[in-house]
Amino acid sequence: MTTIDWDAAAGSFDEEPDHGLLDPAVRDAWAGRLESWLPTTRGDVLDLGCGTGSLSLLAAGQGHRVT
């Protein structure tokens, strides 16, 4: 079994293109996925287990109020 010290990895976690959505193609793909999952009427979204919040930021950028 392998264990990972997440506290040690936290500082650079979002530097990986897929985690921080730094790659424009990955970010656009996730934005499209959120558009298909979330209601077209902008509203409140509760993001549980949001990690570093990159998807929360995309949802907020689409006009949703994210907590």
PDB file of N, CA and C in Angstrom:
ATOM      1  N   MET A   1       0.844  -1.179   0.000  1.00  0.00           N
ATOM      2  CA  MET A   1       0.000   0.000   0.000  1.00  0.00           C
ATOM      3  C   MET A   1       0.887   1.238   0.000  1.00  0.00           C
ATOM      4  N   THR A   2       0.522   2.194  -0.816  1.00  0.00           N
ATOM      5  CA  THR A   2       1.255   3.454  -0.885  1.00  0.00           C
ATOM      6  C   THR A   2       0.439   4.538  -0.210  1.00  0.00           C
ATOM      7  N   THR A   3       1.101   5.333   0.576  1.00  0.00           N
ATOM      8  CA  THR A   3       0.427   6.481   1.189  1.00  0.00           C
ATOM      9  C   THR A   3       1.087   7.750   0.687  1.00  0.00           C
ATOM     10  N   ILE A   4       0.323   8.806   0.628  1.00  0.00           N
ATOM     11  CA  ILE A   4       0.819  10.090   0.137  1.00  0.00           C
ATOM     12  C   ILE A   4       0.621  11.123   1.227  1.00  0.00           C
ATOM     13  N   ASP A   5       1.644  11.927   1.462  1.00  0.00           N
ATOM     14  CA  ASP A   5       1.542  13.028   2.413  1.00  0.00           C
ATOM     15  C   ASP A   5       0.926  14.214   1.673  1.00  0.00           C
ATOM     16  N   TRP A   6      -0.406  14.351   1.758  1.00  0.00           N
ATOM     17  CA  TRP A   6      -1.100  15.395   1.002  1.00  0.00           C
ATOM     18  C   TRP A   6      -0.712  16.792   1.457  1.00  0.00           C
ATOM     19  N   ASP A   7      -0.374  16.960   2.721  1.00  0.00           N
ATOM     20  CA  ASP A   7       0.078  18.277   3.176  1.00  0.00           C
ATOM     21  C   ASP A   7       1.349  18.690   2.441  1.00  0.00           C
ATOM     22  N   ALA A   8       2.238  17.737   2.210  1.00  0.00           N
ATOM     23  CA  ALA A   8       3.480  18.042   1.500  1.00  0.00           C
ATOM     24  C   ALA A   8       3.220  18.340   0.025  1.00  0.00           C
ATOM     25  N   ALA A   9       2.200  17.720  -0.553  1.00  0.00           N
ATOM     26  CA  ALA A   9       1.899  17.901  -1.975  1.00  0.00           C
ATOM     27  C   ALA A   9       1.006  19.106  -2.250  1.00  0.00           C
ATOM     28  N   ALA A  10       0.370  19.648  -1.224  1.00  0.00           N
ATOM     29  CA  ALA A  10      -0.635  20.698  -1.419  1.00  0.00           C
ATOM     30  C   ALA A  10      -0.089  21.942  -2.109  1.00  0.00           C
ATOM     31  N   GLY A  11       1.118  22.343  -1.777  1.00  0.00           N
ATOM     32  CA  GLY A  11       1.671  23.577  -2.330  1.00  0.00           C
ATOM     33  C   GLY A  11       1.826  23.570  -3.840  1.00  0.00           C
ATOM     34  N   SER A  12       2.031  22.403  -4.419  1.00  0.00           N
ATOM     35  CA  SER A  12       2.240  22.330  -5.871  1.00  0.00           C
ATOM     36  C   SER A  12       1.125  21.571  -6.590  1.00  0.00           C
ATOM     37  N   PHE A  13       0.074  21.211  -5.892  1.00  0.00           N
ATOM     38  CA  PHE A  13      -0.992  20.387  -6.476  1.00  0.00           C
ATOM     39  C   PHE A  13      -1.582  21.018  -7.731  1.00  0.00           C
ATOM     40  N   ASP A  14      -1.890  22.303  -7.691  1.00  0.00           N
ATOM     41  CA  ASP A  14      -2.529  22.960  -8.833  1.00  0.00           C
ATOM     42  C   ASP A  14      -1.570  23.266  -9.975  1.00  0.00           C
ATOM     43  N   GLU A  15      -0.286  22.995  -9.803  1.00  0.00           N
ATOM     44  CA  GLU A  15       0.662  23.203 -10.896  1.00  0.00           C
ATOM     45  C   GLU A  15       0.542  22.110 -11.955  1.00  0.00           C
ATOM     46  N   GLU A  16      -0.044  20.978 -11.596  1.00  0.00           N
ATOM     47  CA  GLU A  16      -0.293  19.920 -12.563  1.00  0.00           C
ATOM     48  C   GLU A  16      -1.429  20.403 -13.460  1.00  0.00           C
ATOM     49  N   PRO A  17      -1.235  20.416 -14.779  1.00  0.00           N
ATOM     50  CA  PRO A  17      -2.214  21.042 -15.678  1.00  0.00           C
ATOM     51  C   PRO A  17      -3.658  20.601 -15.484  1.00  0.00           C
ATOM     52  N   ASP A  18      -3.887  19.347 -15.179  1.00  0.00           N
ATOM     53  CA  ASP A  18      -5.261  18.874 -15.035  1.00  0.00           C
ATOM     54  C   ASP A  18      -5.871  19.272 -13.693  1.00  0.00           C
ATOM     55  N   HIS A  19      -5.068  19.382 -12.662  1.00  0.00           N
ATOM     56  CA  HIS A  19      -5.599  19.717 -11.337  1.00  0.00           C
ATOM     57  C   HIS A  19      -5.989  21.179 -11.244  1.00  0.00           C
ATOM     58  N   GLY A  20      -5.122  22.066 -11.664  1.00  0.00           N
ATOM     59  CA  GLY A  20      -5.408  23.492 -11.566  1.00  0.00           C
ATOM     60  C   GLY A  20      -6.121  24.037 -12.781  1.00  0.00           C
ATOM     61  N   LEU A  21      -6.434  23.156 -13.727  1.00  0.00           N
ATOM     62  CA  LEU A  21      -7.081  23.545 -14.980  1.00  0.00           C
ATOM     63  C   LEU A  21      -6.272  24.611 -15.704  1.00  0.00           C
ATOM     64  N   LEU A  22      -4.949  24.446 -15.683  1.00  0.00           N
ATOM     65  CA  LEU A  22      -4.067  25.396 -16.349  1.00  0.00           C
ATOM     66  C   LEU A  22      -4.068  25.211 -17.862  1.00  0.00           C
ATOM     67  N   ASP A  23      -4.291  24.000 -18.313  1.00  0.00           N
ATOM     68  CA  ASP A  23      -4.331  23.717 -19.747  1.00  0.00           C
ATOM     69  C   ASP A  23      -5.670  24.211 -20.293  1.00  0.00           C
ATOM     70  N   PRO A  24      -5.652  25.144 -21.258  1.00  0.00           N
ATOM     71  CA  PRO A  24      -6.910  25.695 -21.785  1.00  0.00           C
ATOM     72  C   PRO A  24      -7.867  24.628 -22.321  1.00  0.00           C
ATOM     73  N   ALA A  25      -7.349  23.593 -22.945  1.00  0.00           N
ATOM     74  CA  ALA A  25      -8.223  22.544 -23.483  1.00  0.00           C
ATOM     75  C   ALA A  25      -8.922  21.791 -22.352  1.00  0.00           C
ATOM     76  N   VAL A  26      -8.189  21.513 -21.282  1.00  0.00           N
ATOM     77  CA  VAL A  26      -8.773  20.821 -20.123  1.00  0.00           C
ATOM     78  C   VAL A  26      -9.799  21.724 -19.447  1.00  0.00           C
ATOM     79  N   ARG A  27      -9.447  22.992 -19.270  1.00  0.00           N
ATOM     80  CA  ARG A  27     -10.367  23.950 -18.635  1.00  0.00           C
ATOM     81  C   ARG A  27     -11.650  24.083 -19.452  1.00  0.00           C
ATOM     82  N   ASP A  28     -11.523  24.201 -20.773  1.00  0.00           N
ATOM     83  CA  ASP A  28     -12.702  24.329 -21.637  1.00  0.00           C
ATOM     84  C   ASP A  28     -13.568  23.073 -21.595  1.00  0.00           C
ATOM     85  N   ALA A  29     -12.922  21.909 -21.533  1.00  0.00           N
ATOM     86  CA  ALA A  29     -13.679  20.654 -21.452  1.00  0.00           C
ATOM     87  C   ALA A  29     -14.476  20.592 -20.151  1.00  0.00           C
ATOM     88  N   TRP A  30     -13.854  20.976 -19.042  1.00  0.00           N
ATOM     89  CA  TRP A  30     -14.571  20.989 -17.762  1.00  0.00           C
ATOM     90  C   TRP A  30     -15.676  22.037 -17.759  1.00  0.00           C
ATOM     91  N   ALA A  31     -15.424  23.190 -18.344  1.00  0.00           N
ATOM     92  CA  ALA A  31     -16.456  24.235 -18.409  1.00  0.00           C
ATOM     93  C   ALA A  31     -17.666  23.724 -19.188  1.00  0.00           C
ATOM     94  N   GLY A  32     -17.421  23.027 -20.282  1.00  0.00           N
ATOM     95  CA  GLY A  32     -18.516  22.452 -21.059  1.00  0.00           C
ATOM     96  C   GLY A  32     -19.273  21.393 -20.282  1.00  0.00           C
ATOM     97  N   ARG A  33     -18.536  20.582 -19.531  1.00  0.00           N
ATOM     98  CA  ARG A  33     -19.172  19.546 -18.714  1.00  0.00           C
ATOM     99  C   ARG A  33     -20.057  20.189 -17.644  1.00  0.00           C
ATOM    100  N   LEU A  34     -19.548  21.241 -16.990  1.00  0.00           N
ATOM    101  CA  LEU A  34     -20.349  21.932 -15.977  1.00  0.00           C
ATOM    102  C   LEU A  34     -21.605  22.535 -16.590  1.00  0.00           C
ATOM    103  N   GLU A  35     -21.480  23.100 -17.781  1.00  0.00           N
ATOM    104  CA  GLU A  35     -22.656  23.663 -18.466  1.00  0.00           C
ATOM    105  C   GLU A  35     -23.721  22.595 -18.673  1.00  0.00           C
ATOM    106  N   SER A  36     -23.285  21.367 -18.982  1.00  0.00           N
ATOM    107  CA  SER A  36     -24.258  20.296 -19.219  1.00  0.00           C
ATOM    108  C   SER A  36     -24.828  19.734 -17.918  1.00  0.00           C
ATOM    109  N   TRP A  37     -24.086  19.822 -16.831  1.00  0.00           N
ATOM    110  CA  TRP A  37     -24.542  19.276 -15.550  1.00  0.00           C
ATOM    111  C   TRP A  37     -25.388  20.251 -14.751  1.00  0.00           C
ATOM    112  N   LEU A  38     -25.046  21.531 -14.793  1.00  0.00           N
ATOM    113  CA  LEU A  38     -25.707  22.522 -13.942  1.00  0.00           C
ATOM    114  C   LEU A  38     -26.934  23.096 -14.644  1.00  0.00           C
ATOM    115  N   PRO A  39     -27.904  23.564 -13.880  1.00  0.00           N
ATOM    116  CA  PRO A  39     -29.109  24.149 -14.483  1.00  0.00           C
ATOM    117  C   PRO A  39     -28.765  25.364 -15.347  1.00  0.00           C
ATOM    118  N   THR A  40     -29.555  25.579 -16.390  1.00  0.00           N
ATOM    119  CA  THR A  40     -29.317  26.749 -17.238  1.00  0.00           C
ATOM    120  C   THR A  40     -29.672  28.035 -16.513  1.00  0.00           C
ATOM    121  N   THR A  41     -30.636  27.963 -15.588  1.00  0.00           N
ATOM    122  CA  THR A  41     -30.946  29.115 -14.748  1.00  0.00           C
ATOM    123  C   THR A  41     -29.878  29.198 -13.676  1.00  0.00           C
ATOM    124  N   ARG A  42     -29.184  30.316 -13.619  1.00  0.00           N
ATOM    125  CA  ARG A  42     -28.091  30.471 -12.666  1.00  0.00           C
ATOM    126  C   ARG A  42     -28.634  30.479 -11.249  1.00  0.00           C
ATOM    127  N   GLY A  43     -27.955  29.798 -10.357  1.00  0.00           N
ATOM    128  CA  GLY A  43     -28.440  29.700  -8.994  1.00  0.00           C
ATOM    129  C   GLY A  43     -27.334  29.340  -8.022  1.00  0.00           C
ATOM    130  N   ASP A  44     -27.748  28.825  -6.875  1.00  0.00           N
ATOM    131  CA  ASP A  44     -26.817  28.452  -5.821  1.00  0.00           C
ATOM    132  C   ASP A  44     -26.275  27.048  -6.068  1.00  0.00           C
ATOM    133  N   VAL A  45     -24.969  26.892  -5.866  1.00  0.00           N
ATOM    134  CA  VAL A  45     -24.311  25.602  -6.024  1.00  0.00           C
ATOM    135  C   VAL A  45     -23.490  25.345  -4.769  1.00  0.00           C
ATOM    136  N   LEU A  46     -23.667  24.186  -4.168  1.00  0.00           N
ATOM    137  CA  LEU A  46     -22.859  23.778  -3.027  1.00  0.00           C
ATOM    138  C   LEU A  46     -21.867  22.745  -3.525  1.00  0.00           C
ATOM    139  N   ASP A  47     -20.593  23.054  -3.451  1.00  0.00           N
ATOM    140  CA  ASP A  47     -19.546  22.152  -3.914  1.00  0.00           C
ATOM    141  C   ASP A  47     -18.925  21.477  -2.698  1.00  0.00           C
ATOM    142  N   LEU A  48     -19.297  20.233  -2.474  1.00  0.00           N
ATOM    143  CA  LEU A  48     -18.737  19.450  -1.369  1.00  0.00           C
ATOM    144  C   LEU A  48     -17.522  18.685  -1.865  1.00  0.00           C
ATOM    145  N   GLY A  49     -16.475  18.706  -1.104  1.00  0.00           N
ATOM    146  CA  GLY A  49     -15.269  17.994  -1.511  1.00  0.00           C
ATOM    147  C   GLY A  49     -14.618  18.642  -2.717  1.00  0.00           C
ATOM    148  N   CYS A  50     -14.592  19.968  -2.718  1.00  0.00           N
ATOM    149  CA  CYS A  50     -14.172  20.712  -3.910  1.00  0.00           C
ATOM    150  C   CYS A  50     -12.664  20.759  -4.107  1.00  0.00           C
ATOM    151  N   GLY A  51     -11.894  20.132  -3.242  1.00  0.00           N
ATOM    152  CA  GLY A  51     -10.445  20.160  -3.419  1.00  0.00           C
ATOM    153  C   GLY A  51      -9.929  21.580  -3.341  1.00  0.00           C
ATOM    154  N   THR A  52      -9.222  21.995  -4.362  1.00  0.00           N
ATOM    155  CA  THR A  52      -8.673  23.353  -4.355  1.00  0.00           C
ATOM    156  C   THR A  52      -9.634  24.369  -4.950  1.00  0.00           C
ATOM    157  N   GLY A  53     -10.783  23.923  -5.414  1.00  0.00           N
ATOM    158  CA  GLY A  53     -11.820  24.846  -5.863  1.00  0.00           C
ATOM    159  C   GLY A  53     -11.790  25.229  -7.327  1.00  0.00           C
ATOM    160  N   SER A  54     -11.006  24.553  -8.146  1.00  0.00           N
ATOM    161  CA  SER A  54     -10.909  24.949  -9.552  1.00  0.00           C
ATOM    162  C   SER A  54     -12.248  24.808 -10.281  1.00  0.00           C
ATOM    163  N   LEU A  55     -13.009  23.751  -9.992  1.00  0.00           N
ATOM    164  CA  LEU A  55     -14.315  23.607 -10.636  1.00  0.00           C
ATOM    165  C   LEU A  55     -15.324  24.587 -10.049  1.00  0.00           C
ATOM    166  N   SER A  56     -15.179  24.903  -8.771  1.00  0.00           N
ATOM    167  CA  SER A  56     -16.039  25.919  -8.153  1.00  0.00           C
ATOM    168  C   SER A  56     -15.846  27.264  -8.838  1.00  0.00           C
ATOM    169  N   LEU A  57     -14.598  27.583  -9.141  1.00  0.00           N
ATOM    170  CA  LEU A  57     -14.317  28.849  -9.829  1.00  0.00           C
ATOM    171  C   LEU A  57     -14.934  28.869 -11.222  1.00  0.00           C
ATOM    172  N   LEU A  58     -14.892  27.745 -11.921  1.00  0.00           N
ATOM    173  CA  LEU A  58     -15.520  27.684 -13.246  1.00  0.00           C
ATOM    174  C   LEU A  58     -17.027  27.890 -13.137  1.00  0.00           C
ATOM    175  N   ALA A  59     -17.656  27.248 -12.161  1.00  0.00           N
ATOM    176  CA  ALA A  59     -19.103  27.400 -11.981  1.00  0.00           C
ATOM    177  C   ALA A  59     -19.447  28.843 -11.633  1.00  0.00           C
ATOM    178  N   ALA A  60     -18.649  29.460 -10.784  1.00  0.00           N
ATOM    179  CA  ALA A  60     -18.878  30.865 -10.433  1.00  0.00           C
ATOM    180  C   ALA A  60     -18.696  31.753 -11.656  1.00  0.00           C
ATOM    181  N   GLY A  61     -17.730  31.425 -12.483  1.00  0.00           N
ATOM    182  CA  GLY A  61     -17.509  32.185 -13.708  1.00  0.00           C
ATOM    183  C   GLY A  61     -18.662  32.072 -14.688  1.00  0.00           C
ATOM    184  N   GLN A  62     -19.461  31.017 -14.547  1.00  0.00           N
ATOM    185  CA  GLN A  62     -20.633  30.822 -15.396  1.00  0.00           C
ATOM    186  C   GLN A  62     -21.873  31.482 -14.801  1.00  0.00           C
ATOM    187  N   GLY A  63     -21.686  32.188 -13.682  1.00  0.00           N
ATOM    188  CA  GLY A  63     -22.788  32.943 -13.108  1.00  0.00           C
ATOM    189  C   GLY A  63     -23.471  32.322 -11.907  1.00  0.00           C
ATOM    190  N   HIS A  64     -23.030  31.149 -11.483  1.00  0.00           N
ATOM    191  CA  HIS A  64     -23.626  30.512 -10.312  1.00  0.00           C
ATOM    192  C   HIS A  64     -23.027  31.101  -9.038  1.00  0.00           C
ATOM    193  N   ARG A  65     -23.790  31.065  -7.957  1.00  0.00           N
ATOM    194  CA  ARG A  65     -23.299  31.462  -6.638  1.00  0.00           C
ATOM    195  C   ARG A  65     -22.823  30.184  -5.955  1.00  0.00           C
ATOM    196  N   VAL A  66     -21.516  30.061  -5.785  1.00  0.00           N
ATOM    197  CA  VAL A  66     -20.924  28.814  -5.296  1.00  0.00           C
ATOM    198  C   VAL A  66     -20.486  28.956  -3.844  1.00  0.00           C
ATOM    199  N   THR A  67     -20.879  27.974  -3.042  1.00  0.00           N
ATOM    200  CA  THR A  67     -20.451  27.892  -1.642  1.00  0.00           C
ATOM    201  C   THR A  67     -19.691  26.601  -1.462  1.00  0.00           C
TER     202      THR A  67
END
